[in-house]
Protein backbone atom coordinates (compact mmCIF):
# COMPACT_ATOMS: atom_id res chain seq x y z
CA MET A 1 41.12 47.67 35.12
CA LYS A 2 40.52 48.27 38.88
CA PRO A 3 43.52 48.16 41.25
CA ARG A 4 41.92 45.10 43.12
CA LEU A 5 41.35 43.11 39.94
CA SER A 6 44.80 43.98 38.61
CA PHE A 7 46.28 42.65 41.91
CA PHE A 8 44.36 39.36 41.51
CA VAL A 9 45.36 39.02 37.89
CA LEU A 10 49.09 39.46 38.75
CA MET A 11 48.61 37.02 41.57
CA ILE A 12 47.37 34.32 39.36
CA PHE A 13 49.74 34.84 36.76
CA ALA A 14 52.68 34.80 39.33
CA LEU A 15 51.20 31.50 40.97
CA SER A 16 50.99 29.89 37.38
CA PHE A 17 54.37 30.93 36.58
CA GLY A 18 55.69 29.43 39.92
CA LEU A 19 53.88 26.28 39.39
CA GLN A 20 55.30 25.82 35.79
CA ALA A 21 58.83 26.72 37.17
CA GLN A 22 58.31 24.06 39.96
CA LYS A 23 57.22 21.45 37.54
CA SER A 24 60.40 22.08 35.10
CA SER A 25 62.74 22.50 38.03
CA TYR A 26 63.97 18.89 38.44
CA ARG A 27 64.94 16.25 36.11
CA HIS A 28 63.83 12.29 36.10
CA HIS A 29 66.72 9.95 35.96
CA GLU A 30 67.00 6.11 35.67
CA ILE A 31 70.07 4.05 35.85
CA GLY A 32 69.73 0.31 34.93
CA LEU A 33 71.41 -2.92 34.01
CA GLN A 34 70.21 -5.08 31.03
CA LEU A 35 70.67 -8.75 30.45
CA ASP A 36 70.76 -9.41 26.55
CA GLN A 37 70.54 -13.02 26.11
CA SER A 38 68.25 -15.33 24.28
CA TYR A 39 64.83 -14.85 22.48
CA GLY A 40 61.84 -15.80 24.64
CA PHE A 41 63.33 -14.44 27.68
CA MET A 42 65.36 -17.89 28.36
CA TYR A 43 68.54 -16.77 29.99
CA GLY A 44 71.70 -18.64 30.76
CA ALA A 45 75.31 -18.40 30.51
CA PRO A 46 77.03 -16.74 28.82
CA MET A 47 75.40 -13.56 30.01
CA ASN A 48 75.70 -10.24 27.99
CA PHE A 49 75.26 -7.27 30.10
CA LYS A 50 74.45 -3.77 28.87
CA THR A 51 74.22 -0.44 30.74
CA LEU A 52 71.22 1.99 30.43
CA TYR A 53 70.60 5.67 31.40
CA LYS A 54 67.23 7.39 31.02
CA VAL A 55 66.56 11.20 31.44
CA GLY A 56 63.77 13.71 30.99
CA PRO A 57 61.64 16.20 32.54
CA SER A 58 59.30 13.60 33.77
CA GLU A 59 58.86 9.75 34.13
CA ASN A 60 56.42 9.91 31.24
CA ALA A 61 58.68 10.61 28.49
CA VAL A 62 62.46 10.03 28.63
CA TRP A 63 65.39 9.90 26.41
CA ARG A 64 67.40 6.59 26.60
CA PHE A 65 71.08 6.00 26.14
CA GLN A 66 72.17 2.24 25.96
CA LEU A 67 75.75 1.27 26.07
CA GLY A 68 76.78 -2.44 25.05
CA THR A 69 79.49 -4.29 27.06
CA LEU A 70 82.76 -3.71 25.92
CA GLN A 71 83.80 -7.28 24.46
CA PHE A 72 87.24 -8.58 23.57
CA GLY A 73 88.86 -11.78 22.68
CA HIS A 74 92.22 -13.61 21.71
CA ASN A 75 92.54 -16.87 19.94
CA TYR A 76 95.42 -19.01 18.71
CA TYR A 77 95.05 -21.99 16.42
CA GLU A 78 97.77 -24.54 16.87
CA PRO A 79 97.59 -26.40 13.46
CA SER A 80 97.57 -23.34 11.25
CA GLN A 81 99.83 -21.23 13.94
CA GLN A 82 97.01 -18.31 13.50
CA LEU A 83 96.81 -15.78 16.05
CA SER A 84 93.60 -13.66 16.18
CA SER A 85 92.27 -10.91 18.45
CA TRP A 86 89.12 -8.67 18.48
CA VAL A 87 87.35 -5.79 20.34
CA GLY A 88 84.00 -4.50 20.05
CA LEU A 89 81.66 -1.74 21.63
CA GLY A 90 78.12 -0.58 20.57
CA GLY A 91 75.33 1.60 21.82
CA LEU A 92 71.90 2.98 21.23
CA ILE A 93 70.19 6.33 21.56
CA GLY A 94 66.22 6.69 21.49
CA ARG A 95 63.09 8.07 22.84
CA GLU A 96 60.53 6.52 24.97
CA TRP A 97 57.06 7.11 25.83
CA ARG A 98 55.01 5.41 28.72
CA LYS A 99 51.34 4.67 29.21
CA ASP A 100 49.84 3.29 32.45
CA ILE A 101 48.19 -0.25 32.35
CA SER A 102 47.80 -0.38 36.23
CA ASP A 103 49.25 1.06 39.47
CA LYS A 104 52.45 -0.64 39.02
CA LEU A 105 52.41 -1.89 35.53
CA ARG A 106 53.37 0.30 32.58
CA LEU A 107 53.78 -0.14 28.71
CA TYR A 108 56.44 1.82 27.12
CA HIS A 109 57.72 2.16 23.50
CA GLY A 110 59.56 4.47 21.29
CA PRO A 111 62.34 4.66 18.31
CA MET A 112 66.06 3.98 18.69
CA VAL A 113 69.25 4.36 16.43
CA GLY A 114 72.42 2.41 17.15
CA LEU A 115 75.82 1.43 16.04
CA ASP A 116 78.05 -1.49 16.81
CA MET A 117 81.79 -1.15 15.99
CA SER A 118 84.32 -4.01 16.19
CA LEU A 119 87.94 -4.29 15.18
CA SER A 120 89.75 -7.72 14.44
CA ARG A 121 93.42 -8.64 13.52
CA THR A 122 94.45 -12.00 12.27
CA ARG A 123 98.19 -13.10 11.92
CA THR A 124 99.38 -16.41 10.67
CA ASP A 125 103.20 -17.61 11.06
CA SER A 126 103.24 -19.93 8.16
CA PRO A 127 102.90 -18.52 5.60
CA PRO A 128 103.40 -14.92 7.30
CA THR A 129 100.20 -13.15 6.71
CA GLU A 130 98.53 -10.22 8.63
CA ASN A 131 94.92 -8.89 8.21
CA GLY A 132 92.95 -6.29 9.96
CA TYR A 133 89.28 -5.54 9.80
CA VAL A 134 87.01 -3.00 10.88
CA TYR A 135 83.14 -3.66 11.00
CA LEU A 136 80.72 -0.81 11.32
CA THR A 137 76.77 -2.07 11.88
CA PRO A 138 74.37 0.82 12.04
CA GLY A 139 70.82 0.19 12.89
CA LEU A 140 67.26 1.32 13.44
CA SER A 141 64.84 -0.48 15.89
CA TYR A 142 61.77 0.28 17.89
CA VAL A 143 61.75 -0.73 21.52
CA ILE A 144 58.50 -2.28 22.86
CA GLY A 145 58.47 -3.13 26.71
CA VAL A 146 56.43 -3.63 29.84
CA MET A 147 57.90 -2.42 33.28
CA TYR A 148 56.66 -3.37 36.66
CA HIS A 149 57.41 -0.92 39.57
CA PHE A 150 58.13 -2.15 42.95
CA ASN A 151 57.49 -0.26 46.22
CA GLY A 152 60.46 2.15 46.12
CA PRO A 153 62.58 3.39 43.47
CA PHE A 154 63.54 0.15 41.68
CA TYR A 155 61.45 -1.36 38.77
CA MET A 156 61.92 -4.49 36.41
CA ALA A 157 61.28 -4.37 32.75
CA ALA A 158 61.04 -6.60 29.69
CA GLU A 159 61.55 -5.50 26.18
CA ILE A 160 62.08 -6.30 22.66
CA HIS A 161 63.72 -4.34 19.76
CA PRO A 162 62.33 -5.30 16.27
CA GLY A 163 64.32 -3.43 13.55
CA ILE A 164 66.72 -3.68 10.96
CA ASN A 165 70.47 -3.13 10.57
CA THR A 166 73.26 -3.30 7.84
CA GLN A 167 77.14 -3.86 8.08
CA PHE A 168 80.11 -2.08 6.39
CA THR A 169 83.57 -3.70 6.34
CA TYR A 170 86.94 -1.97 6.15
CA SER A 171 90.15 -4.01 5.15
CA ASN A 172 93.27 -3.49 3.35
CA ASP A 173 92.77 0.38 3.20
CA ALA A 174 89.61 0.16 1.44
CA TRP A 175 85.84 -0.59 2.05
CA SER A 176 84.33 -3.97 0.92
CA PRO A 177 81.56 -3.66 -1.50
CA ASN A 178 79.88 -6.58 0.21
CA ARG A 179 77.20 -5.75 2.59
CA TYR A 180 74.22 -7.38 4.38
CA TRP A 181 71.01 -6.45 5.62
CA SER A 182 69.24 -8.17 8.40
CA GLY A 183 65.86 -7.47 10.48
CA GLY A 184 62.97 -8.79 12.60
CA LEU A 185 63.32 -10.17 15.99
CA SER A 186 66.53 -11.85 16.41
CA GLY A 187 67.73 -13.70 19.59
CA GLN A 188 69.80 -10.76 20.86
CA ASN A 189 66.87 -8.50 21.16
CA ALA A 190 65.04 -9.87 24.11
CA LEU A 191 66.11 -7.83 27.33
CA LEU A 192 65.36 -7.84 30.83
CA THR A 193 66.16 -4.62 32.84
CA VAL A 194 66.59 -3.78 36.55
CA ALA A 195 66.78 -0.14 37.06
CA TYR A 196 67.08 2.35 39.74
CA GLU A 197 65.28 5.82 39.40
CA PHE A 198 65.75 9.27 41.14
CA GLN A 199 65.21 13.02 40.66
CA THR A 200 67.49 15.84 40.98
CA TYR A 201 66.93 19.72 40.81
CA LYS A 202 68.48 21.39 37.83
CA LYS A 203 71.14 22.94 40.06
CA GLY A 204 72.11 19.56 41.07
CA LYS A 205 70.55 19.20 44.51
CA SER A 206 69.11 15.92 45.08
CA LYS A 207 65.46 15.29 45.47
CA LYS A 208 63.48 12.36 47.07
CA ALA A 209 63.15 9.33 44.66
CA ARG A 210 59.72 8.78 43.30
CA GLY A 211 57.87 5.83 41.63
CA VAL A 212 57.54 5.69 37.88
CA VAL A 213 53.88 5.41 38.05
CA THR A 214 52.12 8.79 39.52
CA THR A 215 49.15 7.97 41.62
CA PRO A 216 46.20 10.17 40.77
CA GLU A 217 45.14 12.46 43.76
């Protein structure tokens, strides 16, 4: 190979390698807040908020991590003198792919796995009894949603989570043989999201936020 030709080949290889490194030198991030209320996107009190974090090499395909609100309660029933308390937490992990519908509108979808856990304890003074329960509810779902991107790093999205789940109960030092399965499109699966997106270099340096939708050059 002639020296001049070898030089051009090396230059092309170095340029392509540099472009490839530039493409993979940053990560796309999204931080959002979700409102999970009633089916049909009819929202009202009480509101159930969830946090959402998405990350990926680009905005076209991201991993999503959803954490449900920590919930707790404490009740006392006067007639039976029964005291009960409970606490619960849940989360989802999934993959999300996106497709442009228009300049600002985008369809997204992907599979998710989740787990909800709650602990409860009930105590009665008369007669004196005390019971504790642990509920584990794993589930498999598929997110389907539409997002609208504003002028800037913010967007709003609406999504549903059709899927199935089951529940395991632990009490009195043993797992209960009774289980239930459920599926479909329940009232707790319609969510609205408001999110902020930004990009960072892999070394941690900030990069100017970009829109979800990439405009063709």
